[in-house]
């Protein structure tokens, strides 16, 4: 079997997380006992805060994973990139882009010279 590729559409977007979270929060806030006490409302509020925090952590973790995947893909594209840390990798990418531009300019100039 081949290596599984990352599909960004398979991950829920931040809007979808927000929508799911807000509907959960509304359900939690509706769950009030007939005798609403301060401790009950505080517990509900605390539970809602914990859900918000866990959703934020999850979206941060997803973003970190996505960035890591993009860095690894970039490391494969740039010659010698696999051995570099991300900071040095970005500098190497800038140098590589400049080198490719120079090569392109030289090839375009040569093609103009030898055009029949």
PDB file of N, CA and C in Angstrom:
ATOM      1  N   UNK A   1       0.833  -1.180   0.000  1.00  0.00           N
ATOM      2  CA  UNK A   1       0.000   0.000   0.000  1.00  0.00           C
ATOM      3  C   UNK A   1       0.873   1.237   0.000  1.00  0.00           C
ATOM      4  N   UNK A   2       0.390   2.293  -0.624  1.00  0.00           N
ATOM      5  CA  UNK A   2       1.137   3.541  -0.710  1.00  0.00           C
ATOM      6  C   UNK A   2       1.037   4.353   0.571  1.00  0.00           C
ATOM      7  N   UNK A   3       1.863   5.373   0.642  1.00  0.00           N
ATOM      8  CA  UNK A   3       1.856   6.248   1.799  1.00  0.00           C
ATOM      9  C   UNK A   3       0.607   7.123   1.768  1.00  0.00           C
ATOM     10  N   UNK A   4      -0.076   7.267   2.901  1.00  0.00           N
ATOM     11  CA  UNK A   4      -1.277   8.091   2.934  1.00  0.00           C
ATOM     12  C   UNK A   4      -0.898   9.554   2.816  1.00  0.00           C
ATOM     13  N   UNK A   5      -1.616  10.261   2.017  1.00  0.00           N
ATOM     14  CA  UNK A   5      -1.369  11.684   1.839  1.00  0.00           C
ATOM     15  C   UNK A   5      -2.315  12.472   2.720  1.00  0.00           C
ATOM     16  N   UNK A   6      -1.872  13.649   3.119  1.00  0.00           N
ATOM     17  CA  UNK A   6      -2.691  14.531   3.931  1.00  0.00           C
ATOM     18  C   UNK A   6      -3.738  15.190   3.048  1.00  0.00           C
ATOM     19  N   UNK A   7      -4.958  15.136   3.456  1.00  0.00           N
ATOM     20  CA  UNK A   7      -6.043  15.777   2.724  1.00  0.00           C
ATOM     21  C   UNK A   7      -6.634  16.861   3.613  1.00  0.00           C
ATOM     22  N   UNK A   8      -6.392  18.162   3.301  1.00  0.00           N
ATOM     23  CA  UNK A   8      -6.873  19.224   4.167  1.00  0.00           C
ATOM     24  C   UNK A   8      -8.383  19.233   4.313  1.00  0.00           C
ATOM     25  N   UNK A   9      -9.114  18.740   3.315  1.00  0.00           N
ATOM     26  CA  UNK A   9     -10.569  18.753   3.419  1.00  0.00           C
ATOM     27  C   UNK A   9     -11.064  17.710   4.411  1.00  0.00           C
ATOM     28  N   UNK A  10     -10.217  16.729   4.777  1.00  0.00           N
ATOM     29  CA  UNK A  10     -10.655  15.728   5.743  1.00  0.00           C
ATOM     30  C   UNK A  10     -10.640  16.276   7.163  1.00  0.00           C
ATOM     31  N   UNK A  11      -9.886  17.339   7.398  1.00  0.00           N
ATOM     32  CA  UNK A  11      -9.842  17.965   8.711  1.00  0.00           C
ATOM     33  C   UNK A  11     -10.942  19.012   8.799  1.00  0.00           C
ATOM     34  N   UNK A  12     -11.689  19.063   9.929  1.00  0.00           N
ATOM     35  CA  UNK A  12     -12.712  20.098  10.046  1.00  0.00           C
ATOM     36  C   UNK A  12     -12.068  21.474  10.106  1.00  0.00           C
ATOM     37  N   UNK A  13     -12.718  22.437   9.482  1.00  0.00           N
ATOM     38  CA  UNK A  13     -12.176  23.798   9.490  1.00  0.00           C
ATOM     39  C   UNK A  13     -12.435  24.446  10.844  1.00  0.00           C
ATOM     40  N   UNK A  14     -11.808  25.603  11.083  1.00  0.00           N
ATOM     41  CA  UNK A  14     -12.015  26.322  12.330  1.00  0.00           C
ATOM     42  C   UNK A  14     -13.479  26.713  12.485  1.00  0.00           C
ATOM     43  N   UNK A  15     -14.150  27.051  11.374  1.00  0.00           N
ATOM     44  CA  UNK A  15     -15.567  27.406  11.431  1.00  0.00           C
ATOM     45  C   UNK A  15     -16.399  26.221  11.888  1.00  0.00           C
ATOM     46  N   UNK A  16     -16.059  25.030  11.379  1.00  0.00           N
ATOM     47  CA  UNK A  16     -16.797  23.846  11.785  1.00  0.00           C
ATOM     48  C   UNK A  16     -16.553  23.537  13.255  1.00  0.00           C
ATOM     49  N   UNK A  17     -15.299  23.701  13.726  1.00  0.00           N
ATOM     50  CA  UNK A  17     -15.012  23.509  15.149  1.00  0.00           C
ATOM     51  C   UNK A  17     -15.820  24.502  15.968  1.00  0.00           C
ATOM     52  N   UNK A  18     -15.857  25.751  15.519  1.00  0.00           N
ATOM     53  CA  UNK A  18     -16.567  26.794  16.249  1.00  0.00           C
ATOM     54  C   UNK A  18     -18.054  26.485  16.299  1.00  0.00           C
ATOM     55  N   UNK A  19     -18.622  26.052  15.170  1.00  0.00           N
ATOM     56  CA  UNK A  19     -20.044  25.736  15.121  1.00  0.00           C
ATOM     57  C   UNK A  19     -20.361  24.584  16.066  1.00  0.00           C
ATOM     58  N   UNK A  20     -19.569  23.524  16.016  1.00  0.00           N
ATOM     59  CA  UNK A  20     -19.776  22.375  16.887  1.00  0.00           C
ATOM     60  C   UNK A  20     -19.637  22.774  18.341  1.00  0.00           C
ATOM     61  N   UNK A  21     -18.623  23.580  18.631  1.00  0.00           N
ATOM     62  CA  UNK A  21     -18.379  24.008  19.996  1.00  0.00           C
ATOM     63  C   UNK A  21     -19.532  24.853  20.501  1.00  0.00           C
ATOM     64  N   UNK A  22     -20.014  25.798  19.705  1.00  0.00           N
ATOM     65  CA  UNK A  22     -21.084  26.673  20.169  1.00  0.00           C
ATOM     66  C   UNK A  22     -22.369  25.884  20.397  1.00  0.00           C
ATOM     67  N   UNK A  23     -22.651  24.881  19.551  1.00  0.00           N
ATOM     68  CA  UNK A  23     -23.856  24.078  19.782  1.00  0.00           C
ATOM     69  C   UNK A  23     -23.713  23.247  21.052  1.00  0.00           C
ATOM     70  N   UNK A  24     -22.504  22.733  21.308  1.00  0.00           N
ATOM     71  CA  UNK A  24     -22.281  21.993  22.559  1.00  0.00           C
ATOM     72  C   UNK A  24     -22.463  22.904  23.769  1.00  0.00           C
ATOM     73  N   UNK A  25     -21.918  24.111  23.668  1.00  0.00           N
ATOM     74  CA  UNK A  25     -22.041  25.046  24.786  1.00  0.00           C
ATOM     75  C   UNK A  25     -23.502  25.388  25.057  1.00  0.00           C
ATOM     76  N   UNK A  26     -24.292  25.587  23.997  1.00  0.00           N
ATOM     77  CA  UNK A  26     -25.714  25.895  24.198  1.00  0.00           C
ATOM     78  C   UNK A  26     -26.407  24.733  24.899  1.00  0.00           C
ATOM     79  N   UNK A  27     -26.084  23.492  24.491  1.00  0.00           N
ATOM     80  CA  UNK A  27     -26.693  22.333  25.146  1.00  0.00           C
ATOM     81  C   UNK A  27     -26.317  22.264  26.615  1.00  0.00           C
ATOM     82  N   UNK A  28     -25.042  22.536  26.903  1.00  0.00           N
ATOM     83  CA  UNK A  28     -24.596  22.480  28.301  1.00  0.00           C
ATOM     84  C   UNK A  28     -25.290  23.558  29.122  1.00  0.00           C
ATOM     85  N   UNK A  29     -25.398  24.755  28.557  1.00  0.00           N
ATOM     86  CA  UNK A  29     -26.003  25.857  29.303  1.00  0.00           C
ATOM     87  C   UNK A  29     -27.503  25.615  29.537  1.00  0.00           C
ATOM     88  N   UNK A  30     -28.171  24.838  28.646  1.00  0.00           N
ATOM     89  CA  UNK A  30     -29.594  24.528  28.825  1.00  0.00           C
ATOM     90  C   UNK A  30     -29.813  23.491  29.909  1.00  0.00           C
ATOM     91  N   UNK A  31     -28.787  22.670  30.182  1.00  0.00           N
ATOM     92  CA  UNK A  31     -28.908  21.606  31.178  1.00  0.00           C
ATOM     93  C   UNK A  31     -28.865  22.188  32.584  1.00  0.00           C
ATOM     94  N   UNK A  32     -29.897  22.779  32.986  1.00  0.00           N
ATOM     95  CA  UNK A  32     -29.940  23.341  34.344  1.00  0.00           C
ATOM     96  C   UNK A  32     -30.928  22.527  35.165  1.00  0.00           C
ATOM     97  N   UNK A  33     -30.579  22.304  36.388  1.00  0.00           N
ATOM     98  CA  UNK A  33     -31.489  21.570  37.262  1.00  0.00           C
ATOM     99  C   UNK A  33     -32.624  22.501  37.671  1.00  0.00           C
ATOM    100  N   UNK A  34     -33.772  21.941  38.103  1.00  0.00           N
ATOM    101  CA  UNK A  34     -34.908  22.779  38.491  1.00  0.00           C
ATOM    102  C   UNK A  34     -34.528  23.803  39.557  1.00  0.00           C
ATOM    103  N   UNK A  35     -33.686  23.403  40.474  1.00  0.00           N
ATOM    104  CA  UNK A  35     -33.241  24.362  41.481  1.00  0.00           C
ATOM    105  C   UNK A  35     -31.844  24.825  41.077  1.00  0.00           C
ATOM    106  N   UNK A  36     -31.800  25.931  40.375  1.00  0.00           N
ATOM    107  CA  UNK A  36     -30.508  26.425  39.894  1.00  0.00           C
ATOM    108  C   UNK A  36     -29.734  26.990  41.068  1.00  0.00           C
ATOM    109  N   UNK A  37     -28.618  26.377  41.312  1.00  0.00           N
ATOM    110  CA  UNK A  37     -27.769  26.858  42.390  1.00  0.00           C
ATOM    111  C   UNK A  37     -26.520  27.459  41.786  1.00  0.00           C
ATOM    112  N   UNK A  38     -25.841  28.212  42.570  1.00  0.00           N
ATOM    113  CA  UNK A  38     -24.607  28.838  42.102  1.00  0.00           C
ATOM    114  C   UNK A  38     -23.584  27.789  41.724  1.00  0.00           C
ATOM    115  N   UNK A  39     -23.498  26.722  42.517  1.00  0.00           N
ATOM    116  CA  UNK A  39     -22.499  25.703  42.228  1.00  0.00           C
ATOM    117  C   UNK A  39     -22.795  25.000  40.907  1.00  0.00           C
ATOM    118  N   UNK A  40     -24.074  24.800  40.598  1.00  0.00           N
ATOM    119  CA  UNK A  40     -24.444  24.148  39.336  1.00  0.00           C
ATOM    120  C   UNK A  40     -24.055  25.036  38.149  1.00  0.00           C
ATOM    121  N   UNK A  41     -24.371  26.320  38.214  1.00  0.00           N
ATOM    122  CA  UNK A  41     -24.046  27.213  37.099  1.00  0.00           C
ATOM    123  C   UNK A  41     -22.531  27.385  36.968  1.00  0.00           C
ATOM    124  N   UNK A  42     -21.834  27.380  38.084  1.00  0.00           N
ATOM    125  CA  UNK A  42     -20.377  27.476  38.044  1.00  0.00           C
ATOM    126  C   UNK A  42     -19.790  26.229  37.402  1.00  0.00           C
ATOM    127  N   UNK A  43     -20.341  25.073  37.738  1.00  0.00           N
ATOM    128  CA  UNK A  43     -19.855  23.825  37.149  1.00  0.00           C
ATOM    129  C   UNK A  43     -20.098  23.812  35.639  1.00  0.00           C
ATOM    130  N   UNK A  44     -21.263  24.290  35.228  1.00  0.00           N
ATOM    131  CA  UNK A  44     -21.574  24.345  33.798  1.00  0.00           C
ATOM    132  C   UNK A  44     -20.620  25.295  33.096  1.00  0.00           C
ATOM    133  N   UNK A  45     -20.391  26.444  33.699  1.00  0.00           N
ATOM    134  CA  UNK A  45     -19.477  27.428  33.114  1.00  0.00           C
ATOM    135  C   UNK A  45     -18.066  26.850  33.001  1.00  0.00           C
ATOM    136  N   UNK A  46     -17.628  26.157  34.057  1.00  0.00           N
ATOM    137  CA  UNK A  46     -16.288  25.551  34.037  1.00  0.00           C
ATOM    138  C   UNK A  46     -16.181  24.483  32.950  1.00  0.00           C
ATOM    139  N   UNK A  47     -17.247  23.702  32.795  1.00  0.00           N
ATOM    140  CA  UNK A  47     -17.241  22.670  31.761  1.00  0.00           C
ATOM    141  C   UNK A  47     -17.173  23.322  30.378  1.00  0.00           C
ATOM    142  N   UNK A  48     -17.902  24.409  30.198  1.00  0.00           N
ATOM    143  CA  UNK A  48     -17.879  25.120  28.917  1.00  0.00           C
ATOM    144  C   UNK A  48     -16.484  25.676  28.638  1.00  0.00           C
ATOM    145  N   UNK A  49     -15.832  26.226  29.655  1.00  0.00           N
ATOM    146  CA  UNK A  49     -14.472  26.755  29.486  1.00  0.00           C
ATOM    147  C   UNK A  49     -13.494  25.650  29.108  1.00  0.00           C
ATOM    148  N   UNK A  50     -13.641  24.488  29.753  1.00  0.00           N
ATOM    149  CA  UNK A  50     -12.761  23.356  29.427  1.00  0.00           C
ATOM    150  C   UNK A  50     -12.954  22.911  27.985  1.00  0.00           C
ATOM    151  N   UNK A  51     -14.196  22.902  27.505  1.00  0.00           N
ATOM    152  CA  UNK A  51     -14.453  22.515  26.114  1.00  0.00           C
ATOM    153  C   UNK A  51     -13.823  23.511  25.157  1.00  0.00           C
ATOM    154  N   UNK A  52     -13.918  24.808  25.474  1.00  0.00           N
ATOM    155  CA  UNK A  52     -13.323  25.825  24.614  1.00  0.00           C
ATOM    156  C   UNK A  52     -11.814  25.655  24.561  1.00  0.00           C
ATOM    157  N   UNK A  53     -11.202  25.404  25.711  1.00  0.00           N
ATOM    158  CA  UNK A  53      -9.745  25.221  25.753  1.00  0.00           C
ATOM    159  C   UNK A  53      -9.323  24.005  24.941  1.00  0.00           C
ATOM    160  N   UNK A  54     -10.060  22.893  25.094  1.00  0.00           N
ATOM    161  CA  UNK A  54      -9.671  21.687  24.357  1.00  0.00           C
ATOM    162  C   UNK A  54      -9.838  21.886  22.855  1.00  0.00           C
ATOM    163  N   UNK A  55     -10.841  22.639  22.430  1.00  0.00           N
ATOM    164  CA  UNK A  55     -11.018  22.914  20.996  1.00  0.00           C
ATOM    165  C   UNK A  55      -9.864  23.756  20.479  1.00  0.00           C
ATOM    166  N   UNK A  56      -9.442  24.744  21.268  1.00  0.00           N
ATOM    167  CA  UNK A  56      -8.299  25.578  20.852  1.00  0.00           C
ATOM    168  C   UNK A  56      -7.039  24.747  20.755  1.00  0.00           C
ATOM    169  N   UNK A  57      -6.828  23.866  21.730  1.00  0.00           N
ATOM    170  CA  UNK A  57      -5.638  22.998  21.694  1.00  0.00           C
ATOM    171  C   UNK A  57      -5.656  22.110  20.464  1.00  0.00           C
ATOM    172  N   UNK A  58      -6.838  21.558  20.161  1.00  0.00           N
ATOM    173  CA  UNK A  58      -6.965  20.677  19.007  1.00  0.00           C
ATOM    174  C   UNK A  58      -6.646  21.434  17.719  1.00  0.00           C
ATOM    175  N   UNK A  59      -7.171  22.643  17.573  1.00  0.00           N
ATOM    176  CA  UNK A  59      -6.902  23.393  16.339  1.00  0.00           C
ATOM    177  C   UNK A  59      -5.432  23.797  16.260  1.00  0.00           C
ATOM    178  N   UNK A  60      -4.793  24.111  17.402  1.00  0.00           N
ATOM    179  CA  UNK A  60      -3.354  24.405  17.388  1.00  0.00           C
ATOM    180  C   UNK A  60      -2.554  23.187  16.965  1.00  0.00           C
ATOM    181  N   UNK A  61      -2.940  22.019  17.494  1.00  0.00           N
ATOM    182  CA  UNK A  61      -2.236  20.783  17.166  1.00  0.00           C
ATOM    183  C   UNK A  61      -2.376  20.480  15.673  1.00  0.00           C
ATOM    184  N   UNK A  62      -3.556  20.690  15.114  1.00  0.00           N
ATOM    185  CA  UNK A  62      -3.773  20.457  13.684  1.00  0.00           C
ATOM    186  C   UNK A  62      -2.918  21.410  12.866  1.00  0.00           C
ATOM    187  N   UNK A  63      -2.893  22.701  13.265  1.00  0.00           N
ATOM    188  CA  UNK A  63      -2.082  23.674  12.525  1.00  0.00           C
ATOM    189  C   UNK A  63      -0.603  23.325  12.583  1.00  0.00           C
ATOM    190  N   UNK A  64      -0.126  22.905  13.769  1.00  0.00           N
ATOM    191  CA  UNK A  64       1.286  22.512  13.901  1.00  0.00           C
ATOM    192  C   UNK A  64       1.593  21.331  12.994  1.00  0.00           C
ATOM    193  N   UNK A  65       0.684  20.366  12.929  1.00  0.00           N
ATOM    194  CA  UNK A  65       0.875  19.198  12.088  1.00  0.00           C
ATOM    195  C   UNK A  65       0.925  19.615  10.625  1.00  0.00           C
ATOM    196  N   UNK A  66       0.011  20.510  10.208  1.00  0.00           N
ATOM    197  CA  UNK A  66      -0.011  20.973   8.823  1.00  0.00           C
ATOM    198  C   UNK A  66       1.281  21.693   8.466  1.00  0.00           C
ATOM    199  N   UNK A  67       1.766  22.540   9.361  1.00  0.00           N
ATOM    200  CA  UNK A  67       3.018  23.261   9.109  1.00  0.00           C
ATOM    201  C   UNK A  67       4.171  22.276   9.013  1.00  0.00           C
ATOM    202  N   UNK A  68       4.197  21.287   9.885  1.00  0.00           N
ATOM    203  CA  UNK A  68       5.248  20.270   9.837  1.00  0.00           C
ATOM    204  C   UNK A  68       5.255  19.517   8.520  1.00  0.00           C
ATOM    205  N   UNK A  69       4.055  19.188   8.024  1.00  0.00           N
ATOM    206  CA  UNK A  69       3.964  18.488   6.737  1.00  0.00           C
ATOM    207  C   UNK A  69       4.498  19.365   5.609  1.00  0.00           C
ATOM    208  N   UNK A  70       4.185  20.642   5.632  1.00  0.00           N
ATOM    209  CA  UNK A  70       4.655  21.551   4.587  1.00  0.00           C
ATOM    210  C   UNK A  70       6.166  21.726   4.648  1.00  0.00           C
ATOM    211  N   UNK A  71       6.721  21.789   5.849  1.00  0.00           N
ATOM    212  CA  UNK A  71       8.181  21.910   5.997  1.00  0.00           C
ATOM    213  C   UNK A  71       8.858  20.655   5.451  1.00  0.00           C
ATOM    214  N   UNK A  72       8.320  19.480   5.764  1.00  0.00           N
ATOM    215  CA  UNK A  72       8.912  18.235   5.255  1.00  0.00           C
ATOM    216  C   UNK A  72       8.841  18.170   3.729  1.00  0.00           C
ATOM    217  N   UNK A  73       7.723  18.622   3.169  1.00  0.00           N
ATOM    218  CA  UNK A  73       7.595  18.639   1.706  1.00  0.00           C
ATOM    219  C   UNK A  73       8.631  19.585   1.105  1.00  0.00           C
ATOM    220  N   UNK A  74       8.840  20.733   1.739  1.00  0.00           N
ATOM    221  CA  UNK A  74       9.829  21.702   1.262  1.00  0.00           C
ATOM    222  C   UNK A  74      11.238  21.135   1.380  1.00  0.00           C
ATOM    223  N   UNK A  75      11.498  20.389   2.459  1.00  0.00           N
ATOM    224  CA  UNK A  75      12.815  19.773   2.628  1.00  0.00           C
ATOM    225  C   UNK A  75      13.113  18.796   1.497  1.00  0.00           C
ATOM    226  N   UNK A  76      12.075  18.119   0.996  1.00  0.00           N
ATOM    227  CA  UNK A  76      12.281  17.187  -0.105  1.00  0.00           C
ATOM    228  C   UNK A  76      12.543  17.904  -1.422  1.00  0.00           C
ATOM    229  N   UNK A  77      11.993  19.100  -1.592  1.00  0.00           N
ATOM    230  CA  UNK A  77      12.140  19.837  -2.848  1.00  0.00           C
ATOM    231  C   UNK A  77      13.509  20.487  -3.005  1.00  0.00           C
ATOM    232  N   UNK A  78      14.058  20.996  -1.905  1.00  0.00           N
ATOM    233  CA  UNK A  78      15.306  21.762  -1.957  1.00  0.00           C
ATOM    234  C   UNK A  78      16.488  20.815  -1.807  1.00  0.00           C
ATOM    235  N   UNK A  79      17.482  20.911  -2.699  1.00  0.00           N
ATOM    236  CA  UNK A  79      18.660  20.050  -2.568  1.00  0.00           C
ATOM    237  C   UNK A  79      19.364  20.283  -1.229  1.00  0.00           C
ATOM    238  N   UNK A  80      19.594  19.208  -0.506  1.00  0.00           N
ATOM    239  CA  UNK A  80      20.260  19.299   0.792  1.00  0.00           C
ATOM    240  C   UNK A  80      19.345  19.788   1.907  1.00  0.00           C
ATOM    241  N   UNK A  81      18.065  19.869   1.644  1.00  0.00           N
ATOM    242  CA  UNK A  81      17.124  20.411   2.627  1.00  0.00           C
ATOM    243  C   UNK A  81      16.791  19.470   3.760  1.00  0.00           C
ATOM    244  N   UNK A  82      16.956  18.181   3.538  1.00  0.00           N
ATOM    245  CA  UNK A  82      16.577  17.208   4.575  1.00  0.00           C
ATOM    246  C   UNK A  82      17.436  17.309   5.827  1.00  0.00           C
ATOM    247  N   UNK A  83      18.661  17.805   5.679  1.00  0.00           N
ATOM    248  CA  UNK A  83      19.563  17.890   6.838  1.00  0.00           C
ATOM    249  C   UNK A  83      19.413  19.217   7.578  1.00  0.00           C
ATOM    250  N   UNK A  84      18.593  20.131   7.058  1.00  0.00           N
ATOM    251  CA  UNK A  84      18.526  21.486   7.622  1.00  0.00           C
ATOM    252  C   UNK A  84      17.370  21.647   8.603  1.00  0.00           C
ATOM    253  N   UNK A  85      17.610  22.484   9.590  1.00  0.00           N
ATOM    254  CA  UNK A  85      16.543  22.899  10.494  1.00  0.00           C
ATOM    255  C   UNK A  85      15.658  23.891   9.738  1.00  0.00           C
ATOM    256  N   UNK A  86      14.419  24.100  10.171  1.00  0.00           N
ATOM    257  CA  UNK A  86      13.521  25.004   9.439  1.00  0.00           C
ATOM    258  C   UNK A  86      14.082  26.406   9.194  1.00  0.00           C
ATOM    259  N   UNK A  87      14.805  26.977  10.162  1.00  0.00           N
ATOM    260  CA  UNK A  87      15.343  28.327   9.978  1.00  0.00           C
ATOM    261  C   UNK A  87      16.338  28.365   8.814  1.00  0.00           C
ATOM    262  N   UNK A  88      17.275  27.402   8.813  1.00  0.00           N
ATOM    263  CA  UNK A  88      18.258  27.347   7.729  1.00  0.00           C
ATOM    264  C   UNK A  88      17.594  26.928   6.419  1.00  0.00           C
ATOM    265  N   UNK A  89      16.548  26.110   6.523  1.00  0.00           N
ATOM    266  CA  UNK A  89      15.840  25.659   5.334  1.00  0.00           C
ATOM    267  C   UNK A  89      15.235  26.846   4.581  1.00  0.00           C
ATOM    268  N   UNK A  90      14.625  27.780   5.298  1.00  0.00           N
ATOM    269  CA  UNK A  90      14.004  28.926   4.640  1.00  0.00           C
ATOM    270  C   UNK A  90      15.044  29.809   3.963  1.00  0.00           C
ATOM    271  N   UNK A  91      16.210  29.965   4.585  1.00  0.00           N
ATOM    272  CA  UNK A  91      17.292  30.721   3.940  1.00  0.00           C
ATOM    273  C   UNK A  91      17.771  30.004   2.680  1.00  0.00           C
ATOM    274  N   UNK A  92      17.900  28.679   2.771  1.00  0.00           N
ATOM    275  CA  UNK A  92      18.332  27.880   1.628  1.00  0.00           C
ATOM    276  C   UNK A  92      17.301  27.956   0.500  1.00  0.00           C
ATOM    277  N   UNK A  93      16.027  27.977   0.849  1.00  0.00           N
ATOM    278  CA  UNK A  93      14.967  28.085  -0.159  1.00  0.00           C
ATOM    279  C   UNK A  93      15.090  29.408  -0.903  1.00  0.00           C
ATOM    280  N   UNK A  94      15.337  30.492  -0.176  1.00  0.00           N
ATOM    281  CA  UNK A  94      15.490  31.808  -0.821  1.00  0.00           C
ATOM    282  C   UNK A  94      16.673  31.795  -1.791  1.00  0.00           C
ATOM    283  N   UNK A  95      17.800  31.214  -1.352  1.00  0.00           N
ATOM    284  CA  UNK A  95      18.965  31.123  -2.239  1.00  0.00           C
ATOM    285  C   UNK A  95      18.654  30.262  -3.468  1.00  0.00           C
ATOM    286  N   UNK A  96      17.947  29.174  -3.262  1.00  0.00           N
ATOM    287  CA  UNK A  96      17.618  28.253  -4.348  1.00  0.00           C
ATOM    288  C   UNK A  96      16.700  28.932  -5.371  1.00  0.00           C
ATOM    289  N   UNK A  97      15.742  29.712  -4.894  1.00  0.00           N
ATOM    290  CA  UNK A  97      14.845  30.437  -5.803  1.00  0.00           C
ATOM    291  C   UNK A  97      15.640  31.422  -6.649  1.00  0.00           C
ATOM    292  N   UNK A  98      16.560  32.133  -6.013  1.00  0.00           N
ATOM    293  CA  UNK A  98      17.398  33.075  -6.771  1.00  0.00           C
ATOM    294  C   UNK A  98      18.236  32.344  -7.823  1.00  0.00           C
ATOM    295  N   UNK A  99      18.792  31.198  -7.433  1.00  0.00           N
ATOM    296  CA  UNK A  99      19.598  30.410  -8.365  1.00  0.00           C
ATOM    297  C   UNK A  99      18.753  29.956  -9.556  1.00  0.00           C
ATOM    298  N   UNK A 100      17.532  29.517  -9.298  1.00  0.00           N
ATOM    299  CA  UNK A 100      16.650  29.081 -10.384  1.00  0.00           C
ATOM    300  C   UNK A 100      16.278  30.248 -11.296  1.00  0.00           C
ATOM    301  N   UNK A 101      16.082  31.424 -10.719  1.00  0.00           N
ATOM    302  CA  UNK A 101      15.785  32.610 -11.536  1.00  0.00           C
ATOM    303  C   UNK A 101      16.951  32.949 -12.463  1.00  0.00           C
ATOM    304  N   UNK A 102      18.175  32.869 -11.918  1.00  0.00           N
ATOM    305  CA  UNK A 102      19.365  33.153 -12.732  1.00  0.00           C
ATOM    306  C   UNK A 102      19.459  32.133 -13.863  1.00  0.00           C
ATOM    307  N   UNK A 103      19.237  30.850 -13.540  1.00  0.00           N
ATOM    308  CA  UNK A 103      19.279  29.811 -14.575  1.00  0.00           C
ATOM    309  C   UNK A 103      18.237  30.083 -15.657  1.00  0.00           C
ATOM    310  N   UNK A 104      17.050  30.489 -15.238  1.00  0.00           N
ATOM    311  CA  UNK A 104      15.990  30.786 -16.188  1.00  0.00           C
ATOM    312  C   UNK A 104      16.374  31.954 -17.097  1.00  0.00           C
ATOM    313  N   UNK A 105      16.940  32.997 -16.511  1.00  0.00           N
ATOM    314  CA  UNK A 105      17.362  34.150 -17.314  1.00  0.00           C
ATOM    315  C   UNK A 105      18.450  33.765 -18.321  1.00  0.00           C
ATOM    316  N   UNK A 106      19.406  32.953 -17.889  1.00  0.00           N
ATOM    317  CA  UNK A 106      20.487  32.513 -18.785  1.00  0.00           C
ATOM    318  C   UNK A 106      19.918  31.682 -19.930  1.00  0.00           C
ATOM    319  N   UNK A 107      19.023  30.756 -19.602  1.00  0.00           N
ATOM    320  CA  UNK A 107      18.436  29.907 -20.643  1.00  0.00           C
ATOM    321  C   UNK A 107      17.588  30.722 -21.615  1.00  0.00           C
ATOM    322  N   UNK A 108      16.860  31.709 -21.096  1.00  0.00           N
ATOM    323  CA  UNK A 108      16.076  32.563 -21.993  1.00  0.00           C
ATOM    324  C   UNK A 108      16.983  33.374 -22.912  1.00  0.00           C
ATOM    325  N   UNK A 109      18.095  33.887 -22.379  1.00  0.00           N
ATOM    326  CA  UNK A 109      19.047  34.660 -23.196  1.00  0.00           C
ATOM    327  C   UNK A 109      19.663  33.761 -24.262  1.00  0.00           C
ATOM    328  N   UNK A 110      20.041  32.525 -23.881  1.00  0.00           N
ATOM    329  CA  UNK A 110      20.613  31.592 -24.853  1.00  0.00           C
ATOM    330  C   UNK A 110      19.608  31.222 -25.941  1.00  0.00           C
ATOM    331  N   UNK A 111      18.367  31.041 -25.556  1.00  0.00           N
ATOM    332  CA  UNK A 111      17.367  30.658 -26.560  1.00  0.00           C
ATOM    333  C   UNK A 111      17.120  31.804 -27.544  1.00  0.00           C
ATOM    334  N   UNK A 112      17.251  33.054 -27.090  1.00  0.00           N
ATOM    335  CA  UNK A 112      17.099  34.206 -27.982  1.00  0.00           C
ATOM    336  C   UNK A 112      18.277  34.279 -28.953  1.00  0.00           C
ATOM    337  N   UNK A 113      19.476  33.924 -28.450  1.00  0.00           N
ATOM    338  CA  UNK A 113      20.683  33.976 -29.314  1.00  0.00           C
ATOM    339  C   UNK A 113      20.611  32.943 -30.432  1.00  0.00           C
ATOM    340  N   UNK A 114      20.164  31.739 -30.105  1.00  0.00           N
ATOM    341  CA  UNK A 114      20.207  30.648 -31.064  1.00  0.00           C
ATOM    342  C   UNK A 114      18.881  30.419 -31.771  1.00  0.00           C
ATOM    343  N   UNK A 115      17.947  31.369 -31.662  1.00  0.00           N
ATOM    344  CA  UNK A 115      16.670  31.244 -32.350  1.00  0.00           C
ATOM    345  C   UNK A 115      16.875  31.438 -33.850  1.00  0.00           C
ATOM    346  N   UNK A 116      16.305  30.563 -34.689  1.00  0.00           N
ATOM    347  CA  UNK A 116      16.518  30.703 -36.140  1.00  0.00           C
ATOM    348  C   UNK A 116      15.789  31.905 -36.715  1.00  0.00           C
TER     349      UNK A 116
END
